[in-house]
PDB file of all heavy atoms in Angstrom:
ATOM      1  N   GLU A   1       0.822  -1.210   0.000  1.00  0.00           N
ATOM      2  CA  GLU A   1       0.000   0.000   0.000  1.00  0.00           C
ATOM      3  C   GLU A   1       0.856   1.261   0.000  1.00  0.00           C
ATOM      4  O   GLU A   1       0.521   2.245  -0.662  1.00  0.00           O
ATOM      5  CB  GLU A   1      -0.926  -0.015   1.219  1.00  0.00           C
ATOM      6  CG  GLU A   1      -2.036  -1.055   1.133  1.00  0.00           C
ATOM      7  CD  GLU A   1      -2.834  -1.158   2.420  1.00  0.00           C
ATOM      8  OE1 GLU A   1      -2.233  -0.973   3.506  1.00  0.00           O
ATOM      9  OE2 GLU A   1      -4.048  -1.421   2.357  1.00  0.00           O
ATOM     10  N   ARG A   2       1.952   1.249   0.727  1.00  0.00           N
ATOM     11  CA  ARG A   2       2.844   2.416   0.727  1.00  0.00           C
ATOM     12  C   ARG A   2       3.400   2.683  -0.661  1.00  0.00           C
ATOM     13  O   ARG A   2       3.464   3.831  -1.114  1.00  0.00           O
ATOM     14  CB  ARG A   2       3.987   2.214   1.729  1.00  0.00           C
ATOM     15  CG  ARG A   2       3.582   2.338   3.189  1.00  0.00           C
ATOM     16  CD  ARG A   2       4.795   2.526   4.090  1.00  0.00           C
ATOM     17  NE  ARG A   2       5.731   1.412   3.984  1.00  0.00           N
ATOM     18  CZ  ARG A   2       5.651   0.298   4.712  1.00  0.00           C
ATOM     19  NH1 ARG A   2       4.679   0.162   5.605  1.00  0.00           N
ATOM     20  NH2 ARG A   2       6.549  -0.654   4.576  1.00  0.00           N
ATOM     21  N   ALA A   3       3.794   1.603  -1.343  1.00  0.00           N
ATOM     22  CA  ALA A   3       4.323   1.762  -2.696  1.00  0.00           C
ATOM     23  C   ALA A   3       3.250   2.296  -3.641  1.00  0.00           C
ATOM     24  O   ALA A   3       3.507   3.179  -4.464  1.00  0.00           O
ATOM     25  CB  ALA A   3       4.864   0.419  -3.201  1.00  0.00           C
ATOM     26  N   TYR A   4       2.025   1.771  -3.520  1.00  0.00           N
ATOM     27  CA  TYR A   4       0.911   2.199  -4.376  1.00  0.00           C
ATOM     28  C   TYR A   4       0.576   3.665  -4.117  1.00  0.00           C
ATOM     29  O   TYR A   4       0.398   4.455  -5.053  1.00  0.00           O
ATOM     30  CB  TYR A   4      -0.299   1.308  -4.099  1.00  0.00           C
ATOM     31  CG  TYR A   4      -1.479   1.502  -5.021  1.00  0.00           C
ATOM     32  CD1 TYR A   4      -1.631   0.713  -6.157  1.00  0.00           C
ATOM     33  CD2 TYR A   4      -2.459   2.460  -4.752  1.00  0.00           C
ATOM     34  CE1 TYR A   4      -2.730   0.868  -6.993  1.00  0.00           C
ATOM     35  CE2 TYR A   4      -3.555   2.625  -5.585  1.00  0.00           C
ATOM     36  CZ  TYR A   4      -3.686   1.823  -6.704  1.00  0.00           C
ATOM     37  OH  TYR A   4      -4.767   1.994  -7.533  1.00  0.00           O
ATOM     38  N   ALA A   5       0.505   4.045  -2.858  1.00  0.00           N
ATOM     39  CA  ALA A   5       0.169   5.427  -2.503  1.00  0.00           C
ATOM     40  C   ALA A   5       1.238   6.391  -3.006  1.00  0.00           C
ATOM     41  O   ALA A   5       0.924   7.470  -3.526  1.00  0.00           O
ATOM     42  CB  ALA A   5       0.011   5.552  -0.989  1.00  0.00           C
ATOM     43  N   ALA A   6       2.505   6.005  -2.866  1.00  0.00           N
ATOM     44  CA  ALA A   6       3.591   6.862  -3.337  1.00  0.00           C
ATOM     45  C   ALA A   6       3.564   6.986  -4.847  1.00  0.00           C
ATOM     46  O   ALA A   6       3.845   8.055  -5.406  1.00  0.00           O
ATOM     47  CB  ALA A   6       4.930   6.301  -2.867  1.00  0.00           C
ATOM     48  N   LEU A   7       3.217   5.905  -5.530  1.00  0.00           N
ATOM     49  CA  LEU A   7       3.211   5.887  -6.985  1.00  0.00           C
ATOM     50  C   LEU A   7       2.209   6.880  -7.556  1.00  0.00           C
ATOM     51  O   LEU A   7       2.491   7.578  -8.536  1.00  0.00           O
ATOM     52  CB  LEU A   7       2.883   4.468  -7.466  1.00  0.00           C
ATOM     53  CG  LEU A   7       3.100   4.144  -8.947  1.00  0.00           C
ATOM     54  CD1 LEU A   7       4.542   4.358  -9.344  1.00  0.00           C
ATOM     55  CD2 LEU A   7       2.676   2.710  -9.215  1.00  0.00           C
ATOM     56  N   TYR A   8       1.032   6.986  -6.934  1.00  0.00           N
ATOM     57  CA  TYR A   8      -0.032   7.827  -7.478  1.00  0.00           C
ATOM     58  C   TYR A   8      -0.339   9.057  -6.614  1.00  0.00           C
ATOM     59  O   TYR A   8      -1.286   9.783  -6.899  1.00  0.00           O
ATOM     60  CB  TYR A   8      -1.304   6.989  -7.675  1.00  0.00           C
ATOM     61  CG  TYR A   8      -1.083   5.824  -8.600  1.00  0.00           C
ATOM     62  CD1 TYR A   8      -1.145   4.510  -8.133  1.00  0.00           C
ATOM     63  CD2 TYR A   8      -0.760   6.021  -9.944  1.00  0.00           C
ATOM     64  CE1 TYR A   8      -0.925   3.435  -8.980  1.00  0.00           C
ATOM     65  CE2 TYR A   8      -0.524   4.953 -10.794  1.00  0.00           C
ATOM     66  CZ  TYR A   8      -0.608   3.660 -10.308  1.00  0.00           C
ATOM     67  OH  TYR A   8      -0.366   2.603 -11.145  1.00  0.00           O
ATOM     68  N   GLY A   9       0.474   9.275  -5.592  1.00  0.00           N
ATOM     69  CA  GLY A   9       0.302  10.459  -4.766  1.00  0.00           C
ATOM     70  C   GLY A   9      -1.000  10.463  -3.981  1.00  0.00           C
ATOM     71  O   GLY A   9      -1.691  11.495  -3.919  1.00  0.00           O
ATOM     72  N   LEU A  10      -1.352   9.336  -3.368  1.00  0.00           N
ATOM     73  CA  LEU A  10      -2.643   9.192  -2.698  1.00  0.00           C
ATOM     74  C   LEU A  10      -2.534   9.440  -1.199  1.00  0.00           C
ATOM     75  O   LEU A  10      -1.501   9.175  -0.575  1.00  0.00           O
ATOM     76  CB  LEU A  10      -3.216   7.793  -2.946  1.00  0.00           C
ATOM     77  CG  LEU A  10      -3.350   7.382  -4.417  1.00  0.00           C
ATOM     78  CD1 LEU A  10      -4.031   6.025  -4.517  1.00  0.00           C
ATOM     79  CD2 LEU A  10      -4.107   8.428  -5.214  1.00  0.00           C
ATOM     80  N   GLU A  11      -3.607   9.930  -0.612  1.00  0.00           N
ATOM     81  CA  GLU A  11      -3.681  10.188   0.808  1.00  0.00           C
ATOM     82  C   GLU A  11      -4.239   8.972   1.546  1.00  0.00           C
ATOM     83  O   GLU A  11      -4.819   8.063   0.942  1.00  0.00           O
ATOM     84  CB  GLU A  11      -4.561  11.418   1.059  1.00  0.00           C
ATOM     85  CG  GLU A  11      -4.049  12.679   0.377  1.00  0.00           C
ATOM     86  CD  GLU A  11      -5.026  13.837   0.491  1.00  0.00           C
ATOM     87  OE1 GLU A  11      -6.083  13.651   1.141  1.00  0.00           O
ATOM     88  OE2 GLU A  11      -4.746  14.905  -0.062  1.00  0.00           O
ATOM     89  N   ASP A  12      -4.086   8.981   2.877  1.00  0.00           N
ATOM     90  CA  ASP A  12      -4.549   7.850   3.678  1.00  0.00           C
ATOM     91  C   ASP A  12      -6.046   7.605   3.513  1.00  0.00           C
ATOM     92  O   ASP A  12      -6.499   6.455   3.525  1.00  0.00           O
ATOM     93  CB  ASP A  12      -4.223   8.079   5.153  1.00  0.00           C
ATOM     94  CG  ASP A  12      -2.771   7.768   5.495  1.00  0.00           C
ATOM     95  OD1 ASP A  12      -2.035   7.316   4.588  1.00  0.00           O
ATOM     96  OD2 ASP A  12      -2.373   7.981   6.650  1.00  0.00           O
ATOM     97  N   ALA A  13      -6.828   8.666   3.365  1.00  0.00           N
ATOM     98  CA  ALA A  13      -8.277   8.501   3.202  1.00  0.00           C
ATOM     99  C   ALA A  13      -8.602   7.730   1.930  1.00  0.00           C
ATOM    100  O   ALA A  13      -9.532   6.918   1.897  1.00  0.00           O
ATOM    101  CB  ALA A  13      -8.957   9.865   3.191  1.00  0.00           C
ATOM    102  N   GLN A  14      -7.842   7.993   0.866  1.00  0.00           N
ATOM    103  CA  GLN A  14      -8.052   7.254  -0.378  1.00  0.00           C
ATOM    104  C   GLN A  14      -7.614   5.805  -0.232  1.00  0.00           C
ATOM    105  O   GLN A  14      -8.266   4.886  -0.741  1.00  0.00           O
ATOM    106  CB  GLN A  14      -7.289   7.937  -1.510  1.00  0.00           C
ATOM    107  CG  GLN A  14      -7.834   9.311  -1.874  1.00  0.00           C
ATOM    108  CD  GLN A  14      -6.927  10.052  -2.825  1.00  0.00           C
ATOM    109  OE1 GLN A  14      -5.767  10.346  -2.494  1.00  0.00           O
ATOM    110  NE2 GLN A  14      -7.430  10.380  -3.997  1.00  0.00           N
ATOM    111  N   MET A  15      -6.517   5.579   0.464  1.00  0.00           N
ATOM    112  CA  MET A  15      -6.028   4.219   0.661  1.00  0.00           C
ATOM    113  C   MET A  15      -6.944   3.425   1.592  1.00  0.00           C
ATOM    114  O   MET A  15      -7.102   2.210   1.431  1.00  0.00           O
ATOM    115  CB  MET A  15      -4.606   4.259   1.213  1.00  0.00           C
ATOM    116  CG  MET A  15      -3.575   4.842   0.259  1.00  0.00           C
ATOM    117  SD  MET A  15      -3.524   3.991  -1.337  1.00  0.00           S
ATOM    118  CE  MET A  15      -2.995   2.353  -0.828  1.00  0.00           C
ATOM    119  N   ALA A  16      -7.548   4.097   2.560  1.00  0.00           N
ATOM    120  CA  ALA A  16      -8.511   3.415   3.429  1.00  0.00           C
ATOM    121  C   ALA A  16      -9.720   2.972   2.622  1.00  0.00           C
ATOM    122  O   ALA A  16     -10.244   1.861   2.805  1.00  0.00           O
ATOM    123  CB  ALA A  16      -8.928   4.338   4.574  1.00  0.00           C
ATOM    124  N   TRP A  17     -10.195   3.833   1.730  1.00  0.00           N
ATOM    125  CA  TRP A  17     -11.315   3.473   0.855  1.00  0.00           C
ATOM    126  C   TRP A  17     -10.924   2.299  -0.038  1.00  0.00           C
ATOM    127  O   TRP A  17     -11.701   1.351  -0.212  1.00  0.00           O
ATOM    128  CB  TRP A  17     -11.707   4.676   0.011  1.00  0.00           C
ATOM    129  CG  TRP A  17     -12.870   4.442  -0.894  1.00  0.00           C
ATOM    130  CD1 TRP A  17     -14.187   4.639  -0.607  1.00  0.00           C
ATOM    131  CD2 TRP A  17     -12.821   3.957  -2.251  1.00  0.00           C
ATOM    132  NE1 TRP A  17     -14.959   4.300  -1.697  1.00  0.00           N
ATOM    133  CE2 TRP A  17     -14.150   3.878  -2.723  1.00  0.00           C
ATOM    134  CE3 TRP A  17     -11.793   3.582  -3.106  1.00  0.00           C
ATOM    135  CZ2 TRP A  17     -14.465   3.438  -3.992  1.00  0.00           C
ATOM    136  CZ3 TRP A  17     -12.099   3.133  -4.389  1.00  0.00           C
ATOM    137  CH2 TRP A  17     -13.430   3.071  -4.817  1.00  0.00           C
ATOM    138  N   ARG A  18      -9.727   2.349  -0.587  1.00  0.00           N
ATOM    139  CA  ARG A  18      -9.245   1.264  -1.454  1.00  0.00           C
ATOM    140  C   ARG A  18      -9.204  -0.057  -0.697  1.00  0.00           C
ATOM    141  O   ARG A  18      -9.623  -1.100  -1.220  1.00  0.00           O
ATOM    142  CB  ARG A  18      -7.859   1.610  -1.989  1.00  0.00           C
ATOM    143  CG  ARG A  18      -7.174   0.497  -2.793  1.00  0.00           C
ATOM    144  CD  ARG A  18      -5.806   0.964  -3.264  1.00  0.00           C
ATOM    145  NE  ARG A  18      -5.110  -0.049  -4.051  1.00  0.00           N
ATOM    146  CZ  ARG A  18      -4.198  -0.869  -3.563  1.00  0.00           C
ATOM    147  NH1 ARG A  18      -3.872  -0.811  -2.259  1.00  0.00           N
ATOM    148  NH2 ARG A  18      -3.596  -1.745  -4.350  1.00  0.00           N
ATOM    149  N   ARG A  19      -8.720  -0.032   0.535  1.00  0.00           N
ATOM    150  CA  ARG A  19      -8.625  -1.264   1.326  1.00  0.00           C
ATOM    151  C   ARG A  19      -9.997  -1.872   1.549  1.00  0.00           C
ATOM    152  O   ARG A  19     -10.173  -3.097   1.441  1.00  0.00           O
ATOM    153  CB  ARG A  19      -7.934  -0.977   2.661  1.00  0.00           C
ATOM    154  CG  ARG A  19      -7.721  -2.220   3.504  1.00  0.00           C
ATOM    155  CD  ARG A  19      -7.115  -1.876   4.852  1.00  0.00           C
ATOM    156  NE  ARG A  19      -5.732  -1.444   4.753  1.00  0.00           N
ATOM    157  CZ  ARG A  19      -4.988  -1.115   5.804  1.00  0.00           C
ATOM    158  NH1 ARG A  19      -5.539  -1.152   7.036  1.00  0.00           N
ATOM    159  NH2 ARG A  19      -3.725  -0.741   5.657  1.00  0.00           N
ATOM    160  N   VAL A  20     -10.990  -1.042   1.841  1.00  0.00           N
ATOM    161  CA  VAL A  20     -12.350  -1.536   2.064  1.00  0.00           C
ATOM    162  C   VAL A  20     -12.911  -2.153   0.783  1.00  0.00           C
ATOM    163  O   VAL A  20     -13.545  -3.217   0.815  1.00  0.00           O
ATOM    164  CB  VAL A  20     -13.265  -0.398   2.563  1.00  0.00           C
ATOM    165  CG1 VAL A  20     -14.731  -0.822   2.524  1.00  0.00           C
ATOM    166  CG2 VAL A  20     -12.863   0.018   3.970  1.00  0.00           C
ATOM    167  N   LYS A  21     -12.674  -1.493  -0.358  1.00  0.00           N
ATOM    168  CA  LYS A  21     -13.193  -2.012  -1.628  1.00  0.00           C
ATOM    169  C   LYS A  21     -12.553  -3.351  -1.988  1.00  0.00           C
ATOM    170  O   LYS A  21     -13.227  -4.253  -2.498  1.00  0.00           O
ATOM    171  CB  LYS A  21     -12.948  -1.001  -2.751  1.00  0.00           C
ATOM    172  CG  LYS A  21     -13.970   0.113  -2.802  1.00  0.00           C
ATOM    173  CD  LYS A  21     -15.348  -0.442  -3.115  1.00  0.00           C
ATOM    174  CE  LYS A  21     -16.418   0.633  -3.042  1.00  0.00           C
ATOM    175  NZ  LYS A  21     -17.762   0.072  -3.278  1.00  0.00           N
ATOM    176  N   ILE A  22     -11.260  -3.480  -1.767  1.00  0.00           N
ATOM    177  CA  ILE A  22     -10.592  -4.751  -2.055  1.00  0.00           C
ATOM    178  C   ILE A  22     -11.178  -5.858  -1.182  1.00  0.00           C
ATOM    179  O   ILE A  22     -11.398  -6.986  -1.643  1.00  0.00           O
ATOM    180  CB  ILE A  22      -9.069  -4.622  -1.840  1.00  0.00           C
ATOM    181  CG1 ILE A  22      -8.459  -3.731  -2.941  1.00  0.00           C
ATOM    182  CG2 ILE A  22      -8.394  -5.993  -1.843  1.00  0.00           C
ATOM    183  CD1 ILE A  22      -6.990  -3.445  -2.747  1.00  0.00           C
ATOM    184  N   ALA A  23     -11.479  -5.536   0.077  1.00  0.00           N
ATOM    185  CA  ALA A  23     -12.092  -6.519   0.967  1.00  0.00           C
ATOM    186  C   ALA A  23     -13.477  -6.920   0.468  1.00  0.00           C
ATOM    187  O   ALA A  23     -13.863  -8.097   0.527  1.00  0.00           O
ATOM    188  CB  ALA A  23     -12.172  -5.953   2.383  1.00  0.00           C
ATOM    189  N   GLU A  24     -14.243  -5.942  -0.043  1.00  0.00           N
ATOM    190  CA  GLU A  24     -15.581  -6.236  -0.567  1.00  0.00           C
ATOM    191  C   GLU A  24     -15.503  -7.119  -1.815  1.00  0.00           C
ATOM    192  O   GLU A  24     -16.285  -8.058  -1.974  1.00  0.00           O
ATOM    193  CB  GLU A  24     -16.304  -4.934  -0.907  1.00  0.00           C
ATOM    194  CG  GLU A  24     -16.705  -4.109   0.308  1.00  0.00           C
ATOM    195  CD  GLU A  24     -17.327  -2.785  -0.097  1.00  0.00           C
ATOM    196  OE1 GLU A  24     -17.391  -2.503  -1.314  1.00  0.00           O
ATOM    197  OE2 GLU A  24     -17.747  -2.023   0.799  1.00  0.00           O
ATOM    198  N   LEU A  25     -14.559  -6.809  -2.703  1.00  0.00           N
ATOM    199  CA  LEU A  25     -14.424  -7.550  -3.958  1.00  0.00           C
ATOM    200  C   LEU A  25     -13.722  -8.893  -3.760  1.00  0.00           C
ATOM    201  O   LEU A  25     -13.798  -9.765  -4.624  1.00  0.00           O
ATOM    202  CB  LEU A  25     -13.658  -6.708  -4.982  1.00  0.00           C
ATOM    203  CG  LEU A  25     -14.360  -5.435  -5.459  1.00  0.00           C
ATOM    204  CD1 LEU A  25     -13.399  -4.559  -6.243  1.00  0.00           C
ATOM    205  CD2 LEU A  25     -15.579  -5.775  -6.313  1.00  0.00           C
ATOM    206  N   LYS A  26     -12.977  -9.017  -2.643  1.00  0.00           N
ATOM    207  CA  LYS A  26     -12.261 -10.248  -2.295  1.00  0.00           C
ATOM    208  C   LYS A  26     -11.189 -10.613  -3.319  1.00  0.00           C
ATOM    209  O   LYS A  26     -10.837 -11.782  -3.471  1.00  0.00           O
ATOM    210  CB  LYS A  26     -13.246 -11.414  -2.116  1.00  0.00           C
ATOM    211  CG  LYS A  26     -14.244 -11.209  -0.999  1.00  0.00           C
ATOM    212  CD  LYS A  26     -15.185 -12.403  -0.879  1.00  0.00           C
ATOM    213  CE  LYS A  26     -16.100 -12.258   0.334  1.00  0.00           C
ATOM    214  NZ  LYS A  26     -16.944 -11.048   0.282  1.00  0.00           N
ATOM    215  N   ASP A  27     -10.681  -9.591  -4.045  1.00  0.00           N
ATOM    216  CA  ASP A  27      -9.666  -9.872  -5.062  1.00  0.00           C
ATOM    217  C   ASP A  27      -8.965  -8.570  -5.455  1.00  0.00           C
ATOM    218  O   ASP A  27      -9.580  -7.703  -6.080  1.00  0.00           O
ATOM    219  CB  ASP A  27     -10.317 -10.492  -6.300  1.00  0.00           C
ATOM    220  CG  ASP A  27      -9.303 -10.952  -7.330  1.00  0.00           C
ATOM    221  OD1 ASP A  27      -8.117 -10.599  -7.212  1.00  0.00           O
ATOM    222  OD2 ASP A  27      -9.699 -11.671  -8.267  1.00  0.00           O
ATOM    223  N   PRO A  28      -7.689  -8.393  -5.100  1.00  0.00           N
ATOM    224  CA  PRO A  28      -6.983  -7.160  -5.464  1.00  0.00           C
ATOM    225  C   PRO A  28      -6.914  -6.932  -6.967  1.00  0.00           C
ATOM    226  O   PRO A  28      -6.934  -5.783  -7.422  1.00  0.00           O
ATOM    227  CB  PRO A  28      -5.580  -7.379  -4.876  1.00  0.00           C
ATOM    228  CG  PRO A  28      -5.752  -8.417  -3.824  1.00  0.00           C
ATOM    229  CD  PRO A  28      -6.855  -9.300  -4.297  1.00  0.00           C
ATOM    230  N   VAL A  29      -6.831  -8.014  -7.743  1.00  0.00           N
ATOM    231  CA  VAL A  29      -6.761  -7.866  -9.202  1.00  0.00           C
ATOM    232  C   VAL A  29      -8.097  -7.377  -9.744  1.00  0.00           C
ATOM    233  O   VAL A  29      -8.144  -6.566 -10.670  1.00  0.00           O
ATOM    234  CB  VAL A  29      -6.350  -9.194  -9.871  1.00  0.00           C
ATOM    235  CG1 VAL A  29      -6.335  -9.054 -11.394  1.00  0.00           C
ATOM    236  CG2 VAL A  29      -4.973  -9.636  -9.377  1.00  0.00           C
ATOM    237  N   LEU A  30      -9.200  -7.858  -9.165  1.00  0.00           N
ATOM    238  CA  LEU A  30     -10.511  -7.394  -9.605  1.00  0.00           C
ATOM    239  C   LEU A  30     -10.679  -5.909  -9.283  1.00  0.00           C
ATOM    240  O   LEU A  30     -11.308  -5.172 -10.047  1.00  0.00           O
ATOM    241  CB  LEU A  30     -11.611  -8.213  -8.933  1.00  0.00           C
ATOM    242  CG  LEU A  30     -13.051  -7.912  -9.372  1.00  0.00           C
ATOM    243  CD1 LEU A  30     -13.208  -8.078 -10.874  1.00  0.00           C
ATOM    244  CD2 LEU A  30     -14.028  -8.816  -8.622  1.00  0.00           C
ATOM    245  N   PHE A  31     -10.125  -5.457  -8.159  1.00  0.00           N
ATOM    246  CA  PHE A  31     -10.170  -4.029  -7.850  1.00  0.00           C
ATOM    247  C   PHE A  31      -9.505  -3.234  -8.965  1.00  0.00           C
ATOM    248  O   PHE A  31      -9.989  -2.161  -9.367  1.00  0.00           O
ATOM    249  CB  PHE A  31      -9.476  -3.739  -6.516  1.00  0.00           C
ATOM    250  CG  PHE A  31      -9.387  -2.269  -6.204  1.00  0.00           C
ATOM    251  CD1 PHE A  31     -10.431  -1.609  -5.569  1.00  0.00           C
ATOM    252  CD2 PHE A  31      -8.272  -1.521  -6.578  1.00  0.00           C
ATOM    253  CE1 PHE A  31     -10.364  -0.245  -5.305  1.00  0.00           C
ATOM    254  CE2 PHE A  31      -8.191  -0.162  -6.314  1.00  0.00           C
ATOM    255  CZ  PHE A  31      -9.237   0.480  -5.678  1.00  0.00           C
ATOM    256  N   LYS A  32      -8.374  -3.715  -9.477  1.00  0.00           N
ATOM    257  CA  LYS A  32      -7.668  -2.994 -10.531  1.00  0.00           C
ATOM    258  C   LYS A  32      -8.504  -2.905 -11.806  1.00  0.00           C
ATOM    259  O   LYS A  32      -8.398  -1.940 -12.555  1.00  0.00           O
ATOM    260  CB  LYS A  32      -6.331  -3.672 -10.821  1.00  0.00           C
ATOM    261  CG  LYS A  32      -5.336  -3.572  -9.672  1.00  0.00           C
ATOM    262  CD  LYS A  32      -4.046  -4.306  -9.986  1.00  0.00           C
ATOM    263  CE  LYS A  32      -3.075  -4.182  -8.827  1.00  0.00           C
ATOM    264  NZ  LYS A  32      -1.803  -4.900  -9.096  1.00  0.00           N
ATOM    265  N   GLN A  33      -9.320  -3.934 -12.060  1.00  0.00           N
ATOM    266  CA  GLN A  33     -10.196  -3.884 -13.231  1.00  0.00           C
ATOM    267  C   GLN A  33     -11.351  -2.914 -13.010  1.00  0.00           C
ATOM    268  O   GLN A  33     -11.683  -2.126 -13.902  1.00  0.00           O
ATOM    269  CB  GLN A  33     -10.746  -5.275 -13.536  1.00  0.00           C
ATOM    270  CG  GLN A  33     -11.782  -5.278 -14.669  1.00  0.00           C
ATOM    271  CD  GLN A  33     -12.283  -6.664 -14.979  1.00  0.00           C
ATOM    272  OE1 GLN A  33     -11.617  -7.435 -15.641  1.00  0.00           O
ATOM    273  NE2 GLN A  33     -13.482  -6.995 -14.484  1.00  0.00           N
ATOM    274  N   GLU A  34     -11.958  -2.970 -11.825  1.00  0.00           N
ATOM    275  CA  GLU A  34     -13.131  -2.150 -11.544  1.00  0.00           C
ATOM    276  C   GLU A  34     -12.763  -0.702 -11.211  1.00  0.00           C
ATOM    277  O   GLU A  34     -13.531   0.219 -11.498  1.00  0.00           O
ATOM    278  CB  GLU A  34     -13.908  -2.756 -10.375  1.00  0.00           C
ATOM    279  CG  GLU A  34     -14.443  -4.156 -10.639  1.00  0.00           C
ATOM    280  CD  GLU A  34     -15.523  -4.168 -11.710  1.00  0.00           C
ATOM    281  OE1 GLU A  34     -16.556  -3.524 -11.505  1.00  0.00           O
ATOM    282  OE2 GLU A  34     -15.307  -4.806 -12.755  1.00  0.00           O
ATOM    283  N   TYR A  35     -11.596  -0.516 -10.603  1.00  0.00           N
ATOM    284  CA  TYR A  35     -11.140   0.822 -10.196  1.00  0.00           C
ATOM    285  C   TYR A  35      -9.670   0.990 -10.599  1.00  0.00           C
ATOM    286  O   TYR A  35      -8.779   1.009  -9.749  1.00  0.00           O
ATOM    287  CB  TYR A  35     -11.315   1.013  -8.687  1.00  0.00           C
ATOM    288  CG  TYR A  35     -12.732   0.857  -8.214  1.00  0.00           C
ATOM    289  CD1 TYR A  35     -13.185  -0.352  -7.690  1.00  0.00           C
ATOM    290  CD2 TYR A  35     -13.634   1.920  -8.300  1.00  0.00           C
ATOM    291  CE1 TYR A  35     -14.495  -0.500  -7.261  1.00  0.00           C
ATOM    292  CE2 TYR A  35     -14.952   1.777  -7.873  1.00  0.00           C
ATOM    293  CZ  TYR A  35     -15.371   0.567  -7.360  1.00  0.00           C
ATOM    294  OH  TYR A  35     -16.683   0.424  -6.935  1.00  0.00           O
ATOM    295  N   PRO A  36      -9.403   1.111 -11.880  1.00  0.00           N
ATOM    296  CA  PRO A  36      -8.004   1.148 -12.337  1.00  0.00           C
ATOM    297  C   PRO A  36      -7.329   2.487 -12.075  1.00  0.00           C
ATOM    298  O   PRO A  36      -7.970   3.542 -12.079  1.00  0.00           O
ATOM    299  CB  PRO A  36      -8.135   0.895 -13.846  1.00  0.00           C
ATOM    300  CG  PRO A  36      -9.492   1.448 -14.197  1.00  0.00           C
ATOM    301  CD  PRO A  36     -10.362   1.155 -13.002  1.00  0.00           C
ATOM    302  N   ALA A  37      -6.031   2.420 -11.863  1.00  0.00           N
ATOM    303  CA  ALA A  37      -5.208   3.621 -11.754  1.00  0.00           C
ATOM    304  C   ALA A  37      -4.574   3.971 -13.085  1.00  0.00           C
ATOM    305  O   ALA A  37      -4.204   5.117 -13.323  1.00  0.00           O
ATOM    306  CB  ALA A  37      -4.129   3.428 -10.690  1.00  0.00           C
ATOM    307  N   THR A  38      -4.431   2.976 -13.970  1.00  0.00           N
ATOM    308  CA  THR A  38      -3.925   3.189 -15.325  1.00  0.00           C
ATOM    309  C   THR A  38      -4.730   2.324 -16.281  1.00  0.00           C
ATOM    310  O   THR A  38      -5.361   1.344 -15.868  1.00  0.00           O
ATOM    311  CB  THR A  38      -2.434   2.807 -15.457  1.00  0.00           C
ATOM    312  OG1 THR A  38      -2.303   1.379 -15.295  1.00  0.00           O
ATOM    313  CG2 THR A  38      -1.576   3.526 -14.421  1.00  0.00           C
ATOM    314  N   ALA A  39      -4.682   2.654 -17.564  1.00  0.00           N
ATOM    315  CA  ALA A  39      -5.408   1.858 -18.556  1.00  0.00           C
ATOM    316  C   ALA A  39      -4.850   0.443 -18.633  1.00  0.00           C
ATOM    317  O   ALA A  39      -5.602  -0.528 -18.736  1.00  0.00           O
ATOM    318  CB  ALA A  39      -5.333   2.535 -19.922  1.00  0.00           C
ATOM    319  N   ALA A  40      -3.525   0.321 -18.579  1.00  0.00           N
ATOM    320  CA  ALA A  40      -2.918  -1.004 -18.642  1.00  0.00           C
ATOM    321  C   ALA A  40      -3.357  -1.861 -17.456  1.00  0.00           C
ATOM    322  O   ALA A  40      -3.583  -3.067 -17.588  1.00  0.00           O
ATOM    323  CB  ALA A  40      -1.395  -0.881 -18.683  1.00  0.00           C
TER     324      ALA A  40
END
């Protein structure tokens, strides 16, 4: 998470939201598809 936050300049509030969403989706890769940071 520290690496991800540093990469995109994200605040703790955004990372807390991301953590909750990953828990809901039960798959970090699915989070990247549903909420991508880049097109790739």
